[in-house]
């Protein structure tokens, strides 16, 4: 099994941020900084609800302060990016990002 590591960022977008009554819906994507041709397009991961979002973000070993800051940025701008993330192809697949 290929264990190639990819360096990139994870971008989470709050796709229904204007609907204050709806359950929050997010989409997450991994973007490789140096995308070799064999990587191909990365697929988005759909996330429903704040609890599922926090559970997803915790998979990146963010501490409580980073989670708090990320949540604040997400609510202000409608998106947040986790930069300099290193993920193996297997981990990308397990996270639903490949």
Protein backbone atom coordinates (compact mmCIF):
# COMPACT_ATOMS: atom_id res chain seq x y z
CA UNK A 1 0.00 0.00 0.00
CA UNK A 2 1.32 3.45 -0.92
CA UNK A 3 1.96 5.53 2.20
CA UNK A 4 2.77 8.78 0.43
CA UNK A 5 2.35 11.80 2.68
CA UNK A 6 0.69 14.91 1.29
CA UNK A 7 1.25 18.43 2.62
CA UNK A 8 -1.65 20.81 2.20
CA UNK A 9 -4.53 22.52 3.92
CA UNK A 10 -8.05 21.56 4.92
CA UNK A 11 -10.68 24.18 4.13
CA UNK A 12 -14.07 24.00 5.84
CA UNK A 13 -16.89 26.07 4.37
CA UNK A 14 -20.18 26.72 6.16
CA UNK A 15 -22.50 26.23 3.18
CA UNK A 16 -25.78 27.37 4.76
CA UNK A 17 -24.46 30.15 6.99
CA UNK A 18 -27.22 32.56 5.93
CA UNK A 19 -29.98 30.28 7.17
CA UNK A 20 -29.95 30.93 10.92
CA UNK A 21 -32.72 28.39 11.61
CA UNK A 22 -31.25 25.41 9.75
CA UNK A 23 -28.87 22.81 11.13
CA UNK A 24 -25.39 23.99 10.09
CA UNK A 25 -24.01 22.19 7.04
CA UNK A 26 -20.34 22.25 6.14
CA UNK A 27 -18.12 20.91 3.43
CA UNK A 28 -14.43 20.12 3.93
CA UNK A 29 -11.74 19.67 1.29
CA UNK A 30 -8.05 18.87 1.39
CA UNK A 31 -5.85 20.77 -1.06
CA UNK A 32 -2.35 19.47 -1.62
CA UNK A 33 0.25 22.25 -1.92
CA UNK A 34 2.26 20.34 -4.51
CA UNK A 35 -0.32 18.30 -6.29
CA UNK A 36 1.30 15.57 -8.35
CA UNK A 37 -0.76 14.42 -11.30
CA UNK A 38 -1.35 11.00 -9.76
CA UNK A 39 -3.18 12.49 -6.74
CA UNK A 40 -6.11 13.66 -8.83
CA UNK A 41 -9.06 15.63 -7.52
CA UNK A 42 -9.80 15.43 -3.84
CA UNK A 43 -13.41 14.86 -2.93
CA UNK A 44 -15.33 17.03 -0.49
CA UNK A 45 -16.61 15.69 2.80
CA UNK A 46 -20.07 16.78 3.90
CA UNK A 47 -20.50 17.50 7.61
CA UNK A 48 -23.86 18.13 9.28
CA UNK A 49 -24.12 19.89 12.64
CA UNK A 50 -21.74 21.63 15.00
CA UNK A 51 -20.99 18.47 16.98
CA UNK A 52 -19.95 16.55 13.85
CA UNK A 53 -17.79 19.51 12.78
CA UNK A 54 -15.97 19.56 16.13
CA UNK A 55 -15.48 15.80 15.98
CA UNK A 56 -14.00 16.15 12.47
CA UNK A 57 -11.68 19.01 13.46
CA UNK A 58 -10.43 17.11 16.51
CA UNK A 59 -9.08 14.45 14.14
CA UNK A 60 -6.38 16.99 13.23
CA UNK A 61 -5.08 17.12 16.82
CA UNK A 62 -6.08 20.74 17.35
CA UNK A 63 -5.96 21.93 20.93
CA UNK A 64 -8.94 23.61 22.61
CA UNK A 65 -7.67 27.12 21.87
CA UNK A 66 -7.22 26.37 18.16
CA UNK A 67 -10.69 24.82 18.01
CA UNK A 68 -12.14 27.92 19.65
CA UNK A 69 -10.29 30.27 17.27
CA UNK A 70 -11.27 28.18 14.26
CA UNK A 71 -14.92 28.21 15.28
CA UNK A 72 -14.82 31.99 15.70
CA UNK A 73 -13.25 32.50 12.26
CA UNK A 74 -15.74 30.09 10.68
CA UNK A 75 -18.68 31.98 12.15
CA UNK A 76 -17.25 35.36 11.09
CA UNK A 77 -16.06 34.54 7.57
CA UNK A 78 -18.05 31.45 6.65
CA UNK A 79 -14.90 29.36 6.19
CA UNK A 80 -11.74 28.33 8.01
CA UNK A 81 -8.49 26.76 6.86
CA UNK A 82 -6.18 24.42 8.72
CA UNK A 83 -2.80 24.97 7.13
CA UNK A 84 0.29 22.78 6.83
CA UNK A 85 -1.57 19.52 7.35
CA UNK A 86 0.36 16.35 6.52
CA UNK A 87 -1.85 13.39 5.65
CA UNK A 88 -1.08 10.03 4.10
CA UNK A 89 -3.20 8.81 1.21
CA UNK A 90 -4.68 6.22 3.56
CA UNK A 91 -5.58 8.89 6.15
CA UNK A 92 -7.16 11.04 3.44
CA UNK A 93 -9.34 8.11 2.45
CA UNK A 94 -10.24 7.34 6.09
CA UNK A 95 -11.28 10.97 6.64
CA UNK A 96 -13.50 10.85 3.55
CA UNK A 97 -11.36 13.42 1.72
CA UNK A 98 -10.19 11.15 -1.07
